[in-house]
Amino acid sequence: MSRANRHYLPGHIWHITHRCHQRKFLLKFARDRRSYLDWIFEAKKRLGLWVLDYVVTSNHVHLLIKLKTLAET
């Protein structure tokens, strides 16, 4: 079953979940979780995002993000 199309709604907060391939435990070491967070916060700077909260577990990640508006930059 295919996933429904996603729609961009300005000003809304997004909950994003990202699972590791085949639900493997690819983020079980602290250095791997730190590398993932470094990547997320680099994307935050480049794309103009607010990272409101995050959780990094050993096999998936939860992010709460919001796109910065022109008034917030």
C-alpha atoms as a PDB file:
ATOM      1  CA  MET A   1       0.000   0.000   0.000  1.00  0.00           C
ATOM      2  CA  SER A   2       1.451   3.334  -1.010  1.00  0.00           C
ATOM      3  CA  ARG A   3       1.815   6.261   1.335  1.00  0.00           C
ATOM      4  CA  ALA A   4      -0.479   9.279   1.002  1.00  0.00           C
ATOM      5  CA  ASN A   5       0.981  12.423  -0.540  1.00  0.00           C
ATOM      6  CA  ARG A   6       2.393  14.908   1.928  1.00  0.00           C
ATOM      7  CA  HIS A   7       1.375  18.536   1.755  1.00  0.00           C
ATOM      8  CA  TYR A   8       3.418  21.505   2.914  1.00  0.00           C
ATOM      9  CA  LEU A   9       1.461  23.721   5.291  1.00  0.00           C
ATOM     10  CA  PRO A  10       3.328  26.934   6.209  1.00  0.00           C
ATOM     11  CA  GLY A  11       3.779  27.590   9.912  1.00  0.00           C
ATOM     12  CA  HIS A  12       3.024  24.041  11.038  1.00  0.00           C
ATOM     13  CA  ILE A  13       5.220  21.805  13.177  1.00  0.00           C
ATOM     14  CA  TRP A  14       6.303  18.517  11.607  1.00  0.00           C
ATOM     15  CA  HIS A  15       6.913  15.228  13.407  1.00  0.00           C
ATOM     16  CA  ILE A  16       9.372  13.229  11.325  1.00  0.00           C
ATOM     17  CA  THR A  17      10.310   9.630  12.069  1.00  0.00           C
ATOM     18  CA  HIS A  18      13.292   8.020  10.365  1.00  0.00           C
ATOM     19  CA  ARG A  19      14.015   4.306  10.776  1.00  0.00           C
ATOM     20  CA  CYS A  20      17.310   2.599  10.048  1.00  0.00           C
ATOM     21  CA  HIS A  21      17.426   0.266   7.059  1.00  0.00           C
ATOM     22  CA  GLN A  22      15.742  -3.072   7.853  1.00  0.00           C
ATOM     23  CA  ARG A  23      15.234  -1.770  11.413  1.00  0.00           C
ATOM     24  CA  LYS A  24      18.852  -2.599  12.202  1.00  0.00           C
ATOM     25  CA  PHE A  25      20.537  -1.054  15.238  1.00  0.00           C
ATOM     26  CA  LEU A  26      22.837   1.270  13.303  1.00  0.00           C
ATOM     27  CA  LEU A  27      22.860   4.027  15.943  1.00  0.00           C
ATOM     28  CA  LYS A  28      23.697   1.963  19.007  1.00  0.00           C
ATOM     29  CA  PHE A  29      27.006   3.719  19.723  1.00  0.00           C
ATOM     30  CA  ALA A  30      27.170   7.282  21.067  1.00  0.00           C
ATOM     31  CA  ARG A  31      29.591   8.357  18.312  1.00  0.00           C
ATOM     32  CA  ASP A  32      27.080   7.237  15.652  1.00  0.00           C
ATOM     33  CA  ARG A  33      24.218   9.131  17.316  1.00  0.00           C
ATOM     34  CA  ARG A  34      26.461  12.213  17.593  1.00  0.00           C
ATOM     35  CA  SER A  35      27.352  11.978  13.890  1.00  0.00           C
ATOM     36  CA  TYR A  36      23.667  11.759  13.000  1.00  0.00           C
ATOM     37  CA  LEU A  37      22.906  14.840  15.114  1.00  0.00           C
ATOM     38  CA  ASP A  38      25.800  16.743  13.528  1.00  0.00           C
ATOM     39  CA  TRP A  39      24.281  15.951  10.123  1.00  0.00           C
ATOM     40  CA  ILE A  40      20.808  17.092  11.261  1.00  0.00           C
ATOM     41  CA  PHE A  41      22.083  20.380  12.658  1.00  0.00           C
ATOM     42  CA  GLU A  42      24.118  21.067   9.515  1.00  0.00           C
ATOM     43  CA  ALA A  43      20.909  20.577   7.492  1.00  0.00           C
ATOM     44  CA  LYS A  44      19.138  22.885   9.968  1.00  0.00           C
ATOM     45  CA  LYS A  45      21.560  25.688   9.138  1.00  0.00           C
ATOM     46  CA  ARG A  46      21.428  25.144   5.382  1.00  0.00           C
ATOM     47  CA  LEU A  47      17.642  24.752   5.091  1.00  0.00           C
ATOM     48  CA  GLY A  48      16.482  27.296   7.653  1.00  0.00           C
ATOM     49  CA  LEU A  49      14.744  24.961  10.091  1.00  0.00           C
ATOM     50  CA  TRP A  50      13.882  25.142  13.761  1.00  0.00           C
ATOM     51  CA  VAL A  51      14.652  21.819  15.450  1.00  0.00           C
ATOM     52  CA  LEU A  52      12.233  21.969  18.354  1.00  0.00           C
ATOM     53  CA  ASP A  53      12.982  18.558  19.827  1.00  0.00           C
ATOM     54  CA  TYR A  54      14.582  15.272  18.879  1.00  0.00           C
ATOM     55  CA  VAL A  55      15.120  11.728  20.126  1.00  0.00           C
ATOM     56  CA  VAL A  56      17.778   9.449  18.687  1.00  0.00           C
ATOM     57  CA  THR A  57      17.436   5.774  19.599  1.00  0.00           C
ATOM     58  CA  SER A  58      19.521   2.844  18.430  1.00  0.00           C
ATOM     59  CA  ASN A  59      17.329   2.139  15.389  1.00  0.00           C
ATOM     60  CA  HIS A  60      15.193   5.228  14.715  1.00  0.00           C
ATOM     61  CA  VAL A  61      14.950   8.987  15.143  1.00  0.00           C
ATOM     62  CA  HIS A  62      12.086  11.361  15.972  1.00  0.00           C
ATOM     63  CA  LEU A  63      12.317  15.036  15.015  1.00  0.00           C
ATOM     64  CA  LEU A  64       9.980  17.961  15.669  1.00  0.00           C
ATOM     65  CA  ILE A  65      10.818  20.681  13.157  1.00  0.00           C
ATOM     66  CA  LYS A  66       9.386  23.889  11.816  1.00  0.00           C
ATOM     67  CA  LEU A  67      10.451  25.839   8.763  1.00  0.00           C
ATOM     68  CA  LYS A  68      11.592  29.380   9.595  1.00  0.00           C
ATOM     69  CA  THR A  69       9.473  32.091   8.060  1.00  0.00           C
ATOM     70  CA  LEU A  70      10.968  35.277   6.657  1.00  0.00           C
ATOM     71  CA  ALA A  71       9.865  37.162   9.781  1.00  0.00           C
ATOM     72  CA  GLU A  72      11.726  34.669  12.031  1.00  0.00           C
ATOM     73  CA  THR A  73      15.084  34.819  10.210  1.00  0.00           C
END
